Amino acid sequence: NVCQNCCPQSDGSMGSCNFNFRIEDGSLNYGPYDFDSVMHYGRCDFTANTAVCNASCPSNTGETVTVNAPFNATWQCGDPSIDPVADTLYIGQRTHLSYWDSLVMSFLYPRANWRFQAPYGFDSPLGSFLVPFLSFEVGYDETPVGGTLWILNPSTFAVGPVLDKPITIGAPLGGVILTR
């Protein structure tokens, strides 16, 4: 159902919108799949059958994005039993940032005393969300007093006998264990 002549191409012509739906291998995942994200395409975005898709929900002939069970009842068209204003609970909503949108945005524009650790990071002086520290020890050492060390992936860390610097350790995905 993806429109084949309504997206601008590199040569200035209009062509297929298929590039909007490529699945990229190896992309980083910063949390669970977020149906509520303001970045999520709507069920009729880039459709070749706009009138059919917008006439009913679900539409078997117009949708470009279909939510699979068990989430389809809630997210495909909105669920008035969960949200009386059903147009705020569906894929492609534009009324609010989801919890995960807000969290990732706060990480991209963090407070000055925040540092990040992840198994794909580097032990460089940066310690940012996009270039996190590789080791817990360096992240802990480089987090300023009163700051927050965000651990981005569930992990177990063997730590020294005493962690005595007053910082907050945050784990948005949970599953972090500190052992001696």
Protein backbone atom coordinates (compact mmCIF):
# COMPACT_ATOMS: atom_id res chain seq x y z
CA ASN A 1 0.00 0.00 0.00
CA VAL A 2 3.01 2.31 -0.11
CA CYS A 3 2.68 5.15 -2.60
CA GLN A 4 5.00 4.73 -5.58
CA ASN A 5 4.90 8.30 -6.90
CA CYS A 6 4.55 10.71 -3.97
CA CYS A 7 7.99 10.98 -2.32
CA PRO A 8 10.77 13.27 -3.57
CA GLN A 9 13.74 11.40 -5.02
CA SER A 10 17.41 12.49 -5.14
CA ASP A 11 17.05 13.56 -8.79
CA GLY A 12 14.12 15.88 -7.98
CA SER A 13 11.45 13.58 -9.41
CA MET A 14 8.62 11.99 -7.46
CA GLY A 15 8.81 8.27 -6.82
CA SER A 16 8.45 5.43 -4.35
CA CYS A 17 8.21 5.96 -0.60
CA ASN A 18 9.48 2.42 0.10
CA PHE A 19 12.70 3.80 1.64
CA ASN A 20 10.67 4.92 4.68
CA PHE A 21 10.02 1.31 5.64
CA ARG A 22 13.46 -0.32 5.42
CA ILE A 23 14.41 -2.42 8.43
CA GLU A 24 17.96 -1.60 9.46
CA ASP A 25 20.05 -4.41 10.94
CA GLY A 26 22.25 -3.56 13.87
CA SER A 27 20.48 -0.41 14.94
CA LEU A 28 20.83 0.43 18.62
CA ASN A 29 17.79 -0.14 20.78
CA TYR A 30 17.28 2.24 23.70
CA GLY A 31 14.24 0.59 25.21
CA PRO A 32 11.16 -1.44 24.35
CA TYR A 33 9.33 -0.91 21.08
CA ASP A 34 7.50 2.39 21.46
CA PHE A 35 4.10 2.41 19.74
CA ASP A 36 3.38 5.75 21.46
CA SER A 37 6.43 7.55 20.06
CA VAL A 38 5.83 10.82 18.29
CA MET A 39 8.36 9.48 15.76
CA HIS A 40 6.19 6.46 14.85
CA TYR A 41 4.56 6.56 11.43
CA GLY A 42 0.78 6.54 11.41
CA ARG A 43 -1.18 3.65 9.95
CA CYS A 44 -1.96 5.59 6.75
CA ASP A 45 1.33 7.46 6.25
CA PHE A 46 2.63 7.17 2.68
CA THR A 47 -0.40 5.14 1.61
CA ALA A 48 -1.42 4.77 -2.01
CA ASN A 49 -5.07 4.52 -0.87
CA THR A 50 -5.63 7.61 1.32
CA ALA A 51 -9.43 7.75 0.96
CA VAL A 52 -9.92 4.07 1.80
CA CYS A 53 -7.47 4.15 4.69
CA ASN A 54 -8.99 7.24 6.29
CA ALA A 55 -12.57 6.04 5.80
CA SER A 56 -12.40 3.20 8.31
CA CYS A 57 -10.09 1.63 10.81
CA PRO A 58 -8.76 -0.86 10.35
CA SER A 59 -8.69 -0.69 6.57
CA ASN A 60 -7.55 -3.84 4.80
CA THR A 61 -6.64 -2.00 1.62
CA GLY A 62 -5.08 1.28 2.67
CA GLU A 63 -2.80 0.88 5.65
CA THR A 64 0.96 0.97 5.33
CA VAL A 65 1.63 0.13 9.00
CA THR A 66 -0.18 -2.74 10.68
CA VAL A 67 0.27 -3.49 14.36
CA ASN A 68 0.41 -7.20 15.17
CA ALA A 69 -1.45 -8.91 18.01
CA PRO A 70 -1.61 -8.54 20.94
CA PHE A 71 -0.98 -4.79 20.52
CA ASN A 72 -3.25 -4.20 17.52
CA ALA A 73 -6.46 -3.63 19.51
CA THR A 74 -4.84 -0.82 21.47
CA TRP A 75 -2.50 0.81 18.96
CA GLN A 76 -3.85 0.32 15.44
CA CYS A 77 -6.91 2.55 15.72
CA GLY A 78 -7.05 3.66 19.33
CA ASP A 79 -9.10 2.00 22.04
CA PRO A 80 -11.92 4.05 23.58
CA SER A 81 -12.13 1.62 26.51
CA ILE A 82 -8.56 2.59 27.48
CA ASP A 83 -8.66 6.22 26.37
CA PRO A 84 -12.04 7.97 25.94
CA VAL A 85 -10.33 10.41 23.58
CA ALA A 86 -9.23 7.54 21.35
CA ASP A 87 -7.32 9.76 18.94
CA THR A 88 -4.52 10.09 21.51
CA LEU A 89 -3.77 6.37 21.72
CA TYR A 90 -2.71 5.10 18.34
CA ILE A 91 0.43 4.75 16.23
CA GLY A 92 1.42 8.01 14.63
CA GLN A 93 -0.10 10.22 17.34
CA ARG A 94 1.19 13.81 17.44
CA THR A 95 -0.26 15.03 20.75
CA HIS A 96 2.57 14.24 23.18
CA LEU A 97 6.06 12.84 23.65
CA SER A 98 6.00 9.29 24.97
CA TYR A 99 7.92 8.31 28.10
CA TRP A 100 10.72 6.87 25.93
CA ASP A 101 10.75 9.94 23.62
CA SER A 102 11.25 12.15 26.67
CA LEU A 103 13.93 9.91 28.16
CA VAL A 104 15.97 9.64 24.96
CA MET A 105 15.66 13.41 24.35
CA SER A 106 16.90 14.10 27.88
CA PHE A 107 19.86 11.82 27.14
CA LEU A 108 20.67 13.59 23.87
CA TYR A 109 20.58 16.95 25.67
CA PRO A 110 21.74 15.88 29.15
CA ARG A 111 22.54 17.83 32.27
CA ALA A 112 26.21 18.80 32.55
CA ASN A 113 26.83 16.33 35.39
CA TRP A 114 25.36 13.26 33.66
CA ARG A 115 27.57 10.47 32.32
CA PHE A 116 26.68 7.27 30.47
CA GLN A 117 28.02 3.70 30.39
CA ALA A 118 27.27 0.96 27.85
CA PRO A 119 29.02 -2.19 26.56
CA TYR A 120 29.47 -0.58 23.14
CA GLY A 121 31.17 2.53 24.56
CA PHE A 122 34.74 3.80 24.86
CA ASP A 123 36.73 4.74 27.93
CA SER A 124 37.32 8.24 26.62
CA PRO A 125 36.74 11.46 28.55
CA LEU A 126 33.37 11.99 26.86
CA GLY A 127 30.97 9.56 28.55
CA SER A 128 28.02 10.94 26.60
CA PHE A 129 24.86 9.12 25.52
CA LEU A 130 26.21 8.66 21.99
CA VAL A 131 29.80 7.95 23.11
CA PRO A 132 29.37 6.25 26.52
CA PHE A 133 32.05 4.87 28.78
CA LEU A 134 32.80 1.19 28.26
CA SER A 135 33.54 0.31 31.89
CA PHE A 136 31.55 0.98 35.03
CA GLU A 137 34.73 1.96 36.91
CA VAL A 138 35.64 4.75 34.50
CA GLY A 139 32.02 5.94 34.38
CA TYR A 140 31.89 6.04 38.18
CA ASP A 141 35.25 7.83 38.45
CA GLU A 142 34.34 10.39 35.77
CA THR A 143 30.84 11.20 37.07
CA PRO A 144 31.02 14.43 39.09
CA VAL A 145 29.88 14.53 42.72
CA GLY A 146 26.10 15.01 42.70
CA GLY A 147 25.85 13.79 39.10
CA THR A 148 24.17 10.75 37.56
CA LEU A 149 25.79 7.75 35.92
CA TRP A 150 23.26 6.23 33.52
CA ILE A 151 23.85 2.55 32.76
CA LEU A 152 22.24 1.95 29.38
CA ASN A 153 22.18 -1.86 29.24
CA PRO A 154 21.29 -4.49 31.84
CA SER A 155 24.61 -5.69 33.22
CA THR A 156 26.41 -7.06 36.27
CA PHE A 157 29.45 -5.16 37.50
CA ALA A 158 32.02 -6.25 40.07
CA VAL A 159 32.84 -3.09 42.00
CA GLY A 160 35.48 -2.27 44.59
CA PRO A 161 34.85 -2.55 48.31
CA VAL A 162 33.37 0.95 48.70
CA LEU A 163 31.45 3.27 46.45
CA ASP A 164 31.67 6.43 48.50
CA LYS A 165 31.08 9.24 46.03
CA PRO A 166 27.58 10.78 46.28
CA ILE A 167 26.17 10.18 42.79
CA THR A 168 22.98 8.67 41.44
CA ILE A 169 23.18 5.51 39.37
CA GLY A 170 20.29 5.25 36.93
CA ALA A 171 19.30 2.25 34.82
CA PRO A 172 16.35 3.05 32.52
CA LEU A 173 16.09 -0.55 31.30
CA GLY A 174 16.65 -2.04 34.76
CA GLY A 175 18.59 -5.25 35.29
CA VAL A 176 21.77 -3.70 36.71
CA ILE A 177 23.52 -5.62 39.51
CA LEU A 178 26.54 -4.35 41.45
CA THR A 179 28.58 -7.07 43.19
CA ARG A 180 31.79 -7.17 45.20
